[in-house]
Amino acid sequence: MTTKETTKIYHNPRCSKSRQTLQLLTERGEEPEVIEYLKTPPDVTEMTELLEKLKMSPLELVRKGEDVYKDTDFANQSTDDQIKLMVTHPILIERPIVVRGSRALIGRPPESVLTLLD
């Protein structure tokens, strides 16, 4: 018997793309662990692991339209400081992020995460 990989979604219920991605996962029979990252932000280790799984830098994952992005001069910070800022200000994290095993994708568009289910 093979064990099914668990799926996690870093979710913001106020975001339409996040809601659509969660709905898509559940329609495909997934029961993802839902992490409302604005209420329970990842710590530095978890954020670093997410970036590795996404194969992205903090600058690629950050929401550049947020005031805190501009106020903190995010783009000119070191990678470590960018990660700390994302943990301290989780509104900076692009969403939703879906993780399965050693892989992760951003659900923009929501259908992009279906490749994780194969």
PDB file of N, CA and C in Angstrom:
ATOM      1  N   MET A   1       0.840  -1.186   0.000  1.00  0.00           N
ATOM      2  CA  MET A   1       0.000   0.000   0.000  1.00  0.00           C
ATOM      3  C   MET A   1       0.882   1.245   0.000  1.00  0.00           C
ATOM      4  N   THR A   2       0.575   2.174  -0.866  1.00  0.00           N
ATOM      5  CA  THR A   2       1.336   3.419  -0.900  1.00  0.00           C
ATOM      6  C   THR A   2       0.628   4.468  -0.057  1.00  0.00           C
ATOM      7  N   THR A   3       1.433   5.309   0.562  1.00  0.00           N
ATOM      8  CA  THR A   3       0.835   6.380   1.349  1.00  0.00           C
ATOM      9  C   THR A   3       0.650   7.591   0.453  1.00  0.00           C
ATOM     10  N   LYS A   4      -0.482   8.215   0.621  1.00  0.00           N
ATOM     11  CA  LYS A   4      -0.798   9.387  -0.176  1.00  0.00           C
ATOM     12  C   LYS A   4      -0.066  10.596   0.408  1.00  0.00           C
ATOM     13  N   GLU A   5       0.563  11.365  -0.479  1.00  0.00           N
ATOM     14  CA  GLU A   5       1.238  12.572  -0.026  1.00  0.00           C
ATOM     15  C   GLU A   5       0.197  13.585   0.441  1.00  0.00           C
ATOM     16  N   THR A   6       0.520  14.259   1.526  1.00  0.00           N
ATOM     17  CA  THR A   6      -0.399  15.280   2.008  1.00  0.00           C
ATOM     18  C   THR A   6      -0.206  16.567   1.217  1.00  0.00           C
ATOM     19  N   THR A   7      -1.270  17.295   1.110  1.00  0.00           N
ATOM     20  CA  THR A   7      -1.271  18.559   0.399  1.00  0.00           C
ATOM     21  C   THR A   7      -1.555  19.658   1.397  1.00  0.00           C
ATOM     22  N   LYS A   8      -0.802  20.747   1.299  1.00  0.00           N
ATOM     23  CA  LYS A   8      -1.024  21.928   2.142  1.00  0.00           C
ATOM     24  C   LYS A   8      -1.331  23.099   1.235  1.00  0.00           C
ATOM     25  N   ILE A   9      -2.178  23.989   1.712  1.00  0.00           N
ATOM     26  CA  ILE A   9      -2.412  25.232   0.993  1.00  0.00           C
ATOM     27  C   ILE A   9      -2.247  26.387   1.970  1.00  0.00           C
ATOM     28  N   TYR A  10      -1.372  27.298   1.609  1.00  0.00           N
ATOM     29  CA  TYR A  10      -1.211  28.542   2.361  1.00  0.00           C
ATOM     30  C   TYR A  10      -2.264  29.476   1.783  1.00  0.00           C
ATOM     31  N   HIS A  11      -3.288  29.719   2.572  1.00  0.00           N
ATOM     32  CA  HIS A  11      -4.559  30.237   2.095  1.00  0.00           C
ATOM     33  C   HIS A  11      -4.921  31.559   2.747  1.00  0.00           C
ATOM     34  N   ASN A  12      -5.502  32.445   1.929  1.00  0.00           N
ATOM     35  CA  ASN A  12      -6.105  33.673   2.434  1.00  0.00           C
ATOM     36  C   ASN A  12      -7.559  33.643   1.978  1.00  0.00           C
ATOM     37  N   PRO A  13      -8.509  33.420   2.906  1.00  0.00           N
ATOM     38  CA  PRO A  13      -9.908  33.281   2.503  1.00  0.00           C
ATOM     39  C   PRO A  13     -10.496  34.534   1.848  1.00  0.00           C
ATOM     40  N   ARG A  14      -9.829  35.677   1.990  1.00  0.00           N
ATOM     41  CA  ARG A  14     -10.318  36.902   1.368  1.00  0.00           C
ATOM     42  C   ARG A  14      -9.864  37.043  -0.087  1.00  0.00           C
ATOM     43  N   CYS A  15      -8.991  36.149  -0.530  1.00  0.00           N
ATOM     44  CA  CYS A  15      -8.428  36.205  -1.880  1.00  0.00           C
ATOM     45  C   CYS A  15      -9.201  35.249  -2.795  1.00  0.00           C
ATOM     46  N   SER A  16      -9.729  35.773  -3.906  1.00  0.00           N
ATOM     47  CA  SER A  16     -10.524  34.938  -4.814  1.00  0.00           C
ATOM     48  C   SER A  16      -9.694  33.810  -5.424  1.00  0.00           C
ATOM     49  N   LYS A  17      -8.443  34.081  -5.792  1.00  0.00           N
ATOM     50  CA  LYS A  17      -7.596  33.029  -6.371  1.00  0.00           C
ATOM     51  C   LYS A  17      -7.325  31.930  -5.345  1.00  0.00           C
ATOM     52  N   SER A  18      -7.153  32.317  -4.105  1.00  0.00           N
ATOM     53  CA  SER A  18      -6.927  31.343  -3.042  1.00  0.00           C
ATOM     54  C   SER A  18      -8.185  30.484  -2.843  1.00  0.00           C
ATOM     55  N   ARG A  19      -9.335  31.108  -2.812  1.00  0.00           N
ATOM     56  CA  ARG A  19     -10.593  30.354  -2.668  1.00  0.00           C
ATOM     57  C   ARG A  19     -10.807  29.414  -3.852  1.00  0.00           C
ATOM     58  N   GLN A  20     -10.535  29.907  -5.063  1.00  0.00           N
ATOM     59  CA  GLN A  20     -10.696  29.075  -6.260  1.00  0.00           C
ATOM     60  C   GLN A  20      -9.747  27.880  -6.244  1.00  0.00           C
ATOM     61  N   THR A  21      -8.529  28.110  -5.797  1.00  0.00           N
ATOM     62  CA  THR A  21      -7.545  27.024  -5.738  1.00  0.00           C
ATOM     63  C   THR A  21      -7.973  25.975  -4.719  1.00  0.00           C
ATOM     64  N   LEU A  22      -8.419  26.406  -3.555  1.00  0.00           N
ATOM     65  CA  LEU A  22      -8.884  25.466  -2.531  1.00  0.00           C
ATOM     66  C   LEU A  22     -10.080  24.672  -3.055  1.00  0.00           C
ATOM     67  N   GLN A  23     -10.999  25.338  -3.717  1.00  0.00           N
ATOM     68  CA  GLN A  23     -12.168  24.642  -4.272  1.00  0.00           C
ATOM     69  C   GLN A  23     -11.742  23.609  -5.317  1.00  0.00           C
ATOM     70  N   LEU A  24     -10.805  23.978  -6.163  1.00  0.00           N
ATOM     71  CA  LEU A  24     -10.306  23.075  -7.188  1.00  0.00           C
ATOM     72  C   LEU A  24      -9.686  21.821  -6.559  1.00  0.00           C
ATOM     73  N   LEU A  25      -8.903  22.017  -5.509  1.00  0.00           N
ATOM     74  CA  LEU A  25      -8.282  20.878  -4.824  1.00  0.00           C
ATOM     75  C   LEU A  25      -9.347  19.952  -4.243  1.00  0.00           C
ATOM     76  N   THR A  26     -10.336  20.526  -3.561  1.00  0.00           N
ATOM     77  CA  THR A  26     -11.367  19.689  -2.936  1.00  0.00           C
ATOM     78  C   THR A  26     -12.221  18.993  -3.982  1.00  0.00           C
ATOM     79  N   GLU A  27     -12.476  19.656  -5.108  1.00  0.00           N
ATOM     80  CA  GLU A  27     -13.232  19.010  -6.197  1.00  0.00           C
ATOM     81  C   GLU A  27     -12.471  17.822  -6.777  1.00  0.00           C
ATOM     82  N   ARG A  28     -11.154  17.833  -6.641  1.00  0.00           N
ATOM     83  CA  ARG A  28     -10.322  16.726  -7.137  1.00  0.00           C
ATOM     84  C   ARG A  28     -10.113  15.659  -6.064  1.00  0.00           C
ATOM     85  N   GLY A  29     -10.850  15.764  -4.971  1.00  0.00           N
ATOM     86  CA  GLY A  29     -10.783  14.747  -3.926  1.00  0.00           C
ATOM     87  C   GLY A  29      -9.686  14.962  -2.900  1.00  0.00           C
ATOM     88  N   GLU A  30      -9.012  16.087  -2.967  1.00  0.00           N
ATOM     89  CA  GLU A  30      -7.966  16.389  -1.993  1.00  0.00           C
ATOM     90  C   GLU A  30      -8.610  16.923  -0.707  1.00  0.00           C
ATOM     91  N   GLU A  31      -7.976  16.641   0.390  1.00  0.00           N
ATOM     92  CA  GLU A  31      -8.359  17.212   1.679  1.00  0.00           C
ATOM     93  C   GLU A  31      -7.130  17.927   2.222  1.00  0.00           C
ATOM     94  N   PRO A  32      -6.813  19.091   1.640  1.00  0.00           N
ATOM     95  CA  PRO A  32      -5.565  19.764   2.001  1.00  0.00           C
ATOM     96  C   PRO A  32      -5.589  20.311   3.426  1.00  0.00           C
ATOM     97  N   GLU A  33      -4.403  20.342   3.999  1.00  0.00           N
ATOM     98  CA  GLU A  33      -4.233  21.048   5.262  1.00  0.00           C
ATOM     99  C   GLU A  33      -4.259  22.533   4.907  1.00  0.00           C
ATOM    100  N   VAL A  34      -5.204  23.261   5.479  1.00  0.00           N
ATOM    101  CA  VAL A  34      -5.364  24.677   5.168  1.00  0.00           C
ATOM    102  C   VAL A  34      -4.640  25.506   6.222  1.00  0.00           C
ATOM    103  N   ILE A  35      -3.696  26.292   5.771  1.00  0.00           N
ATOM    104  CA  ILE A  35      -2.934  27.160   6.663  1.00  0.00           C
ATOM    105  C   ILE A  35      -3.293  28.599   6.305  1.00  0.00           C
ATOM    106  N   GLU A  36      -4.026  29.247   7.188  1.00  0.00           N
ATOM    107  CA  GLU A  36      -4.326  30.662   6.972  1.00  0.00           C
ATOM    108  C   GLU A  36      -3.095  31.445   7.405  1.00  0.00           C
ATOM    109  N   TYR A  37      -2.220  31.684   6.440  1.00  0.00           N
ATOM    110  CA  TYR A  37      -0.885  32.198   6.743  1.00  0.00           C
ATOM    111  C   TYR A  37      -0.888  33.617   7.316  1.00  0.00           C
ATOM    112  N   LEU A  38      -1.972  34.358   7.142  1.00  0.00           N
ATOM    113  CA  LEU A  38      -2.016  35.690   7.772  1.00  0.00           C
ATOM    114  C   LEU A  38      -2.230  35.560   9.277  1.00  0.00           C
ATOM    115  N   LYS A  39      -2.936  34.499   9.699  1.00  0.00           N
ATOM    116  CA  LYS A  39      -3.151  34.240  11.126  1.00  0.00           C
ATOM    117  C   LYS A  39      -2.000  33.437  11.726  1.00  0.00           C
ATOM    118  N   THR A  40      -1.455  32.519  10.935  1.00  0.00           N
ATOM    119  CA  THR A  40      -0.378  31.641  11.378  1.00  0.00           C
ATOM    120  C   THR A  40       0.742  31.690  10.344  1.00  0.00           C
ATOM    121  N   PRO A  41       1.555  32.741  10.372  1.00  0.00           N
ATOM    122  CA  PRO A  41       2.603  32.864   9.354  1.00  0.00           C
ATOM    123  C   PRO A  41       3.692  31.804   9.523  1.00  0.00           C
ATOM    124  N   PRO A  42       4.324  31.449   8.420  1.00  0.00           N
ATOM    125  CA  PRO A  42       5.446  30.512   8.527  1.00  0.00           C
ATOM    126  C   PRO A  42       6.591  31.171   9.294  1.00  0.00           C
ATOM    127  N   ASP A  43       7.405  30.340   9.935  1.00  0.00           N
ATOM    128  CA  ASP A  43       8.610  30.888  10.565  1.00  0.00           C
ATOM    129  C   ASP A  43       9.713  30.953   9.510  1.00  0.00           C
ATOM    130  N   VAL A  44      10.866  31.425   9.900  1.00  0.00           N
ATOM    131  CA  VAL A  44      11.961  31.623   8.934  1.00  0.00           C
ATOM    132  C   VAL A  44      12.344  30.303   8.264  1.00  0.00           C
ATOM    133  N   THR A  45      12.429  29.231   9.034  1.00  0.00           N
ATOM    134  CA  THR A  45      12.795  27.927   8.465  1.00  0.00           C
ATOM    135  C   THR A  45      11.753  27.464   7.454  1.00  0.00           C
ATOM    136  N   GLU A  46      10.496  27.561   7.826  1.00  0.00           N
ATOM    137  CA  GLU A  46       9.417  27.127   6.935  1.00  0.00           C
ATOM    138  C   GLU A  46       9.367  27.997   5.671  1.00  0.00           C
ATOM    139  N   MET A  47       9.576  29.297   5.820  1.00  0.00           N
ATOM    140  CA  MET A  47       9.571  30.203   4.673  1.00  0.00           C
ATOM    141  C   MET A  47      10.724  29.860   3.723  1.00  0.00           C
ATOM    142  N   THR A  48      11.883  29.568   4.289  1.00  0.00           N
ATOM    143  CA  THR A  48      13.046  29.183   3.487  1.00  0.00           C
ATOM    144  C   THR A  48      12.758  27.888   2.728  1.00  0.00           C
ATOM    145  N   GLU A  49      12.139  26.920   3.398  1.00  0.00           N
ATOM    146  CA  GLU A  49      11.789  25.657   2.752  1.00  0.00           C
ATOM    147  C   GLU A  49      10.768  25.871   1.632  1.00  0.00           C
ATOM    148  N   LEU A  50       9.795  26.748   1.875  1.00  0.00           N
ATOM    149  CA  LEU A  50       8.809  27.049   0.837  1.00  0.00           C
ATOM    150  C   LEU A  50       9.478  27.637  -0.406  1.00  0.00           C
ATOM    151  N   LEU A  51      10.374  28.573  -0.187  1.00  0.00           N
ATOM    152  CA  LEU A  51      11.085  29.189  -1.306  1.00  0.00           C
ATOM    153  C   LEU A  51      11.890  28.148  -2.084  1.00  0.00           C
ATOM    154  N   GLU A  52      12.525  27.218  -1.363  1.00  0.00           N
ATOM    155  CA  GLU A  52      13.285  26.148  -2.024  1.00  0.00           C
ATOM    156  C   GLU A  52      12.365  25.261  -2.854  1.00  0.00           C
ATOM    157  N   LYS A  53      11.218  24.896  -2.288  1.00  0.00           N
ATOM    158  CA  LYS A  53      10.274  24.042  -3.021  1.00  0.00           C
ATOM    159  C   LYS A  53       9.690  24.767  -4.228  1.00  0.00           C
ATOM    160  N   LEU A  54       9.478  26.057  -4.093  1.00  0.00           N
ATOM    161  CA  LEU A  54       8.960  26.867  -5.194  1.00  0.00           C
ATOM    162  C   LEU A  54      10.039  27.175  -6.240  1.00  0.00           C
ATOM    163  N   LYS A  55      11.301  26.989  -5.840  1.00  0.00           N
ATOM    164  CA  LYS A  55      12.442  27.374  -6.675  1.00  0.00           C
ATOM    165  C   LYS A  55      12.368  28.860  -7.026  1.00  0.00           C
ATOM    166  N   MET A  56      12.112  29.654  -5.981  1.00  0.00           N
ATOM    167  CA  MET A  56      11.970  31.098  -6.137  1.00  0.00           C
ATOM    168  C   MET A  56      12.804  31.823  -5.097  1.00  0.00           C
ATOM    169  N   SER A  57      13.082  33.074  -5.406  1.00  0.00           N
ATOM    170  CA  SER A  57      13.718  33.962  -4.434  1.00  0.00           C
ATOM    171  C   SER A  57      12.605  34.740  -3.731  1.00  0.00           C
ATOM    172  N   PRO A  58      12.905  35.334  -2.575  1.00  0.00           N
ATOM    173  CA  PRO A  58      11.889  36.165  -1.921  1.00  0.00           C
ATOM    174  C   PRO A  58      11.346  37.248  -2.850  1.00  0.00           C
ATOM    175  N   LEU A  59      12.200  37.822  -3.655  1.00  0.00           N
ATOM    176  CA  LEU A  59      11.775  38.897  -4.551  1.00  0.00           C
ATOM    177  C   LEU A  59      10.771  38.404  -5.603  1.00  0.00           C
ATOM    178  N   GLU A  60      10.839  37.118  -5.959  1.00  0.00           N
ATOM    179  CA  GLU A  60       9.887  36.556  -6.915  1.00  0.00           C
ATOM    180  C   GLU A  60       8.542  36.225  -6.266  1.00  0.00           C
ATOM    181  N   LEU A  61       8.543  36.001  -4.955  1.00  0.00           N
ATOM    182  CA  LEU A  61       7.341  35.572  -4.240  1.00  0.00           C
ATOM    183  C   LEU A  61       6.619  36.725  -3.548  1.00  0.00           C
ATOM    184  N   VAL A  62       7.255  37.867  -3.475  1.00  0.00           N
ATOM    185  CA  VAL A  62       6.691  38.982  -2.712  1.00  0.00           C
ATOM    186  C   VAL A  62       5.611  39.716  -3.511  1.00  0.00           C
ATOM    187  N   ARG A  63       4.652  40.238  -2.778  1.00  0.00           N
ATOM    188  CA  ARG A  63       3.592  41.072  -3.366  1.00  0.00           C
ATOM    189  C   ARG A  63       4.084  42.521  -3.369  1.00  0.00           C
ATOM    190  N   LYS A  64       4.511  42.968  -4.524  1.00  0.00           N
ATOM    191  CA  LYS A  64       5.159  44.276  -4.640  1.00  0.00           C
ATOM    192  C   LYS A  64       4.199  45.450  -4.491  1.00  0.00           C
ATOM    193  N   GLY A  65       2.910  45.217  -4.557  1.00  0.00           N
ATOM    194  CA  GLY A  65       1.940  46.297  -4.436  1.00  0.00           C
ATOM    195  C   GLY A  65       1.597  46.679  -3.007  1.00  0.00           C
ATOM    196  N   GLU A  66       2.078  45.893  -2.045  1.00  0.00           N
ATOM    197  CA  GLU A  66       1.771  46.173  -0.642  1.00  0.00           C
ATOM    198  C   GLU A  66       2.601  47.352  -0.140  1.00  0.00           C
ATOM    199  N   ASP A  67       1.987  48.192   0.701  1.00  0.00           N
ATOM    200  CA  ASP A  67       2.687  49.356   1.254  1.00  0.00           C
ATOM    201  C   ASP A  67       3.956  48.955   1.997  1.00  0.00           C
ATOM    202  N   VAL A  68       3.892  47.845   2.743  1.00  0.00           N
ATOM    203  CA  VAL A  68       5.049  47.425   3.531  1.00  0.00           C
ATOM    204  C   VAL A  68       6.233  47.064   2.623  1.00  0.00           C
ATOM    205  N   TYR A  69       5.951  46.643   1.394  1.00  0.00           N
ATOM    206  CA  TYR A  69       7.027  46.368   0.431  1.00  0.00           C
ATOM    207  C   TYR A  69       7.829  47.645   0.181  1.00  0.00           C
ATOM    208  N   LYS A  70       7.105  48.723  -0.066  1.00  0.00           N
ATOM    209  CA  LYS A  70       7.761  50.008  -0.344  1.00  0.00           C
ATOM    210  C   LYS A  70       8.374  50.600   0.928  1.00  0.00           C
ATOM    211  N   ASP A  71       7.625  50.523   2.026  1.00  0.00           N
ATOM    212  CA  ASP A  71       8.063  51.131   3.288  1.00  0.00           C
ATOM    213  C   ASP A  71       9.343  50.511   3.844  1.00  0.00           C
ATOM    214  N   THR A  72       9.580  49.232   3.542  1.00  0.00           N
ATOM    215  CA  THR A  72      10.755  48.532   4.077  1.00  0.00           C
ATOM    216  C   THR A  72      11.911  48.488   3.085  1.00  0.00           C
ATOM    217  N   ASP A  73      11.721  49.082   1.901  1.00  0.00           N
ATOM    218  CA  ASP A  73      12.751  49.027   0.861  1.00  0.00           C
ATOM    219  C   ASP A  73      13.145  47.567   0.606  1.00  0.00           C
ATOM    220  N   PHE A  74      12.115  46.712   0.514  1.00  0.00           N
ATOM    221  CA  PHE A  74      12.273  45.264   0.430  1.00  0.00           C
ATOM    222  C   PHE A  74      13.305  44.843  -0.615  1.00  0.00           C
ATOM    223  N   ALA A  75      13.221  45.417  -1.800  1.00  0.00           N
ATOM    224  CA  ALA A  75      14.082  44.983  -2.910  1.00  0.00           C
ATOM    225  C   ALA A  75      15.561  45.159  -2.622  1.00  0.00           C
ATOM    226  N   ASN A  76      15.902  46.070  -1.738  1.00  0.00           N
ATOM    227  CA  ASN A  76      17.312  46.336  -1.445  1.00  0.00           C
ATOM    228  C   ASN A  76      17.812  45.668  -0.166  1.00  0.00           C
ATOM    229  N   GLN A  77      16.996  44.788   0.414  1.00  0.00           N
ATOM    230  CA  GLN A  77      17.401  44.039   1.604  1.00  0.00           C
ATOM    231  C   GLN A  77      18.141  42.762   1.185  1.00  0.00           C
ATOM    232  N   SER A  78      18.900  42.196   2.111  1.00  0.00           N
ATOM    233  CA  SER A  78      19.534  40.897   1.855  1.00  0.00           C
ATOM    234  C   SER A  78      18.447  39.822   1.792  1.00  0.00           C
ATOM    235  N   THR A  79      18.761  38.686   1.192  1.00  0.00           N
ATOM    236  CA  THR A  79      17.796  37.587   1.107  1.00  0.00           C
ATOM    237  C   THR A  79      17.310  37.191   2.498  1.00  0.00           C
ATOM    238  N   ASP A  80      18.224  37.059   3.462  1.00  0.00           N
ATOM    239  CA  ASP A  80      17.821  36.700   4.829  1.00  0.00           C
ATOM    240  C   ASP A  80      16.857  37.724   5.404  1.00  0.00           C
ATOM    241  N   ASP A  81      17.134  39.002   5.183  1.00  0.00           N
ATOM    242  CA  ASP A  81      16.250  40.045   5.703  1.00  0.00           C
ATOM    243  C   ASP A  81      14.913  40.056   4.960  1.00  0.00           C
ATOM    244  N   GLN A  82      14.923  39.741   3.669  1.00  0.00           N
ATOM    245  CA  GLN A  82      13.669  39.650   2.924  1.00  0.00           C
ATOM    246  C   GLN A  82      12.788  38.532   3.497  1.00  0.00           C
ATOM    247  N   ILE A  83      13.402  37.397   3.795  1.00  0.00           N
ATOM    248  CA  ILE A  83      12.654  36.280   4.384  1.00  0.00           C
ATOM    249  C   ILE A  83      12.084  36.697   5.739  1.00  0.00           C
ATOM    250  N   LYS A  84      12.879  37.354   6.557  1.00  0.00           N
ATOM    251  CA  LYS A  84      12.395  37.811   7.862  1.00  0.00           C
ATOM    252  C   LYS A  84      11.239  38.796   7.713  1.00  0.00           C
ATOM    253  N   LEU A  85      11.326  39.673   6.726  1.00  0.00           N
ATOM    254  CA  LEU A  85      10.234  40.618   6.488  1.00  0.00           C
ATOM    255  C   LEU A  85       8.958  39.895   6.073  1.00  0.00           C
ATOM    256  N   MET A  86       9.078  38.856   5.256  1.00  0.00           N
ATOM    257  CA  MET A  86       7.909  38.092   4.827  1.00  0.00           C
ATOM    258  C   MET A  86       7.260  37.360   5.997  1.00  0.00           C
ATOM    259  N   VAL A  87       8.078  36.902   6.918  1.00  0.00           N
ATOM    260  CA  VAL A  87       7.565  36.221   8.114  1.00  0.00           C
ATOM    261  C   VAL A  87       6.893  37.233   9.046  1.00  0.00           C
ATOM    262  N   THR A  88       7.512  38.394   9.200  1.00  0.00           N
ATOM    263  CA  THR A  88       6.974  39.438  10.075  1.00  0.00           C
ATOM    264  C   THR A  88       5.734  40.087   9.472  1.00  0.00           C
ATOM    265  N   HIS A  89       5.710  40.209   8.161  1.00  0.00           N
ATOM    266  CA  HIS A  89       4.598  40.842   7.440  1.00  0.00           C
ATOM    267  C   HIS A  89       4.073  39.858   6.390  1.00  0.00           C
ATOM    268  N   PRO A  90       3.310  38.829   6.817  1.00  0.00           N
ATOM    269  CA  PRO A  90       2.896  37.785   5.875  1.00  0.00           C
ATOM    270  C   PRO A  90       2.022  38.289   4.719  1.00  0.00           C
ATOM    271  N   ILE A  91       1.488  39.499   4.827  1.00  0.00           N
ATOM    272  CA  ILE A  91       0.728  40.072   3.716  1.00  0.00           C
ATOM    273  C   ILE A  91       1.613  40.185   2.470  1.00  0.00           C
ATOM    274  N   LEU A  92       2.924  40.175   2.659  1.00  0.00           N
ATOM    275  CA  LEU A  92       3.866  40.253   1.541  1.00  0.00           C
ATOM    276  C   LEU A  92       3.941  38.968   0.722  1.00  0.00           C
ATOM    277  N   ILE A  93       3.480  37.859   1.280  1.00  0.00           N
ATOM    278  CA  ILE A  93       3.615  36.556   0.624  1.00  0.00           C
ATOM    279  C   ILE A  93       2.527  36.387  -0.437  1.00  0.00           C
ATOM    280  N   GLU A  94       2.955  36.095  -1.660  1.00  0.00           N
ATOM    281  CA  GLU A  94       2.003  35.814  -2.737  1.00  0.00           C
ATOM    282  C   GLU A  94       1.208  34.573  -2.370  1.00  0.00           C
ATOM    283  N   ARG A  95      -0.037  34.522  -2.814  1.00  0.00           N
ATOM    284  CA  ARG A  95      -0.891  33.408  -2.456  1.00  0.00           C
ATOM    285  C   ARG A  95      -1.748  33.019  -3.650  1.00  0.00           C
ATOM    286  N   PRO A  96      -2.291  31.818  -3.538  1.00  0.00           N
ATOM    287  CA  PRO A  96      -2.046  30.772  -2.548  1.00  0.00           C
ATOM    288  C   PRO A  96      -0.831  29.943  -2.940  1.00  0.00           C
ATOM    289  N   ILE A  97      -0.206  29.351  -1.956  1.00  0.00           N
ATOM    290  CA  ILE A  97       0.896  28.421  -2.211  1.00  0.00           C
ATOM    291  C   ILE A  97       0.374  27.027  -1.863  1.00  0.00           C
ATOM    292  N   VAL A  98       0.534  26.104  -2.797  1.00  0.00           N
ATOM    293  CA  VAL A  98       0.139  24.717  -2.565  1.00  0.00           C
ATOM    294  C   VAL A  98       1.404  23.874  -2.534  1.00  0.00           C
ATOM    295  N   VAL A  99       1.514  23.049  -1.492  1.00  0.00           N
ATOM    296  CA  VAL A  99       2.694  22.208  -1.298  1.00  0.00           C
ATOM    297  C   VAL A  99       2.259  20.754  -1.273  1.00  0.00           C
ATOM    298  N   ARG A 100       3.012  19.944  -1.978  1.00  0.00           N
ATOM    299  CA  ARG A 100       2.805  18.496  -1.949  1.00  0.00           C
ATOM    300  C   ARG A 100       4.166  17.844  -2.042  1.00  0.00           C
ATOM    301  N   GLY A 101       4.530  17.151  -0.973  1.00  0.00           N
ATOM    302  CA  GLY A 101       5.839  16.509  -0.945  1.00  0.00           C
ATOM    303  C   GLY A 101       6.941  17.545  -1.034  1.00  0.00           C
ATOM    304  N   SER A 102       7.839  17.352  -1.984  1.00  0.00           N
ATOM    305  CA  SER A 102       8.977  18.255  -2.127  1.00  0.00           C
ATOM    306  C   SER A 102       8.726  19.353  -3.162  1.00  0.00           C
ATOM    307  N   ARG A 103       7.480  19.453  -3.623  1.00  0.00           N
ATOM    308  CA  ARG A 103       7.162  20.442  -4.653  1.00  0.00           C
ATOM    309  C   ARG A 103       6.133  21.443  -4.156  1.00  0.00           C
ATOM    310  N   ALA A 104       6.169  22.623  -4.728  1.00  0.00           N
ATOM    311  CA  ALA A 104       5.197  23.659  -4.392  1.00  0.00           C
ATOM    312  C   ALA A 104       4.965  24.537  -5.613  1.00  0.00           C
ATOM    313  N   LEU A 105       3.763  25.093  -5.685  1.00  0.00           N
ATOM    314  CA  LEU A 105       3.410  26.010  -6.767  1.00  0.00           C
ATOM    315  C   LEU A 105       2.504  27.101  -6.215  1.00  0.00           C
ATOM    316  N   ILE A 106       2.500  28.218  -6.915  1.00  0.00           N
ATOM    317  CA  ILE A 106       1.555  29.281  -6.596  1.00  0.00           C
ATOM    318  C   ILE A 106       0.312  29.052  -7.446  1.00  0.00           C
ATOM    319  N   GLY A 107      -0.848  29.149  -6.833  1.00  0.00           N
ATOM    320  CA  GLY A 107      -2.112  28.920  -7.535  1.00  0.00           C
ATOM    321  C   GLY A 107      -2.581  30.119  -8.331  1.00  0.00           C
ATOM    322  N   ARG A 108      -1.763  30.580  -9.228  1.00  0.00           N
ATOM    323  CA  ARG A 108      -2.110  31.682 -10.138  1.00  0.00           C
ATOM    324  C   ARG A 108      -1.664  31.297 -11.528  1.00  0.00           C
ATOM    325  N   PRO A 109      -2.542  30.844 -12.380  1.00  0.00           N
ATOM    326  CA  PRO A 109      -3.964  30.613 -12.151  1.00  0.00           C
ATOM    327  C   PRO A 109      -4.174  29.359 -11.294  1.00  0.00           C
ATOM    328  N   PRO A 110      -5.356  29.227 -10.704  1.00  0.00           N
ATOM    329  CA  PRO A 110      -5.604  28.083  -9.821  1.00  0.00           C
ATOM    330  C   PRO A 110      -5.297  26.730 -10.458  1.00  0.00           C
ATOM    331  N   GLU A 111      -5.567  26.580 -11.747  1.00  0.00           N
ATOM    332  CA  GLU A 111      -5.360  25.305 -12.437  1.00  0.00           C
ATOM    333  C   GLU A 111      -3.896  24.878 -12.457  1.00  0.00           C
ATOM    334  N   SER A 112      -2.995  25.808 -12.245  1.00  0.00           N
ATOM    335  CA  SER A 112      -1.568  25.469 -12.293  1.00  0.00           C
ATOM    336  C   SER A 112      -1.190  24.433 -11.229  1.00  0.00           C
ATOM    337  N   VAL A 113      -1.930  24.379 -10.135  1.00  0.00           N
ATOM    338  CA  VAL A 113      -1.567  23.447  -9.057  1.00  0.00           C
ATOM    339  C   VAL A 113      -1.945  22.005  -9.372  1.00  0.00           C
ATOM    340  N   LEU A 114      -2.741  21.797 -10.411  1.00  0.00           N
ATOM    341  CA  LEU A 114      -3.148  20.418 -10.750  1.00  0.00           C
ATOM    342  C   LEU A 114      -1.952  19.540 -11.085  1.00  0.00           C
ATOM    343  N   THR A 115      -0.871  20.123 -11.573  1.00  0.00           N
ATOM    344  CA  THR A 115       0.312  19.326 -11.903  1.00  0.00           C
ATOM    345  C   THR A 115       0.926  18.691 -10.650  1.00  0.00           C
ATOM    346  N   LEU A 116       0.661  19.262  -9.477  1.00  0.00           N
ATOM    347  CA  LEU A 116       1.165  18.677  -8.227  1.00  0.00           C
ATOM    348  C   LEU A 116       0.426  17.402  -7.865  1.00  0.00           C
ATOM    349  N   LEU A 117      -0.774  17.221  -8.386  1.00  0.00           N
ATOM    350  CA  LEU A 117      -1.603  16.085  -7.998  1.00  0.00           C
ATOM    351  C   LEU A 117      -1.281  14.816  -8.780  1.00  0.00           C
ATOM    352  N   ASP A 118      -0.513  14.943  -9.863  1.00  0.00           N
ATOM    353  CA  ASP A 118      -0.160  13.781 -10.693  1.00  0.00           C
ATOM    354  C   ASP A 118       0.819  12.867  -9.988  1.00  0.00           C
TER     355      ASP A 118
END
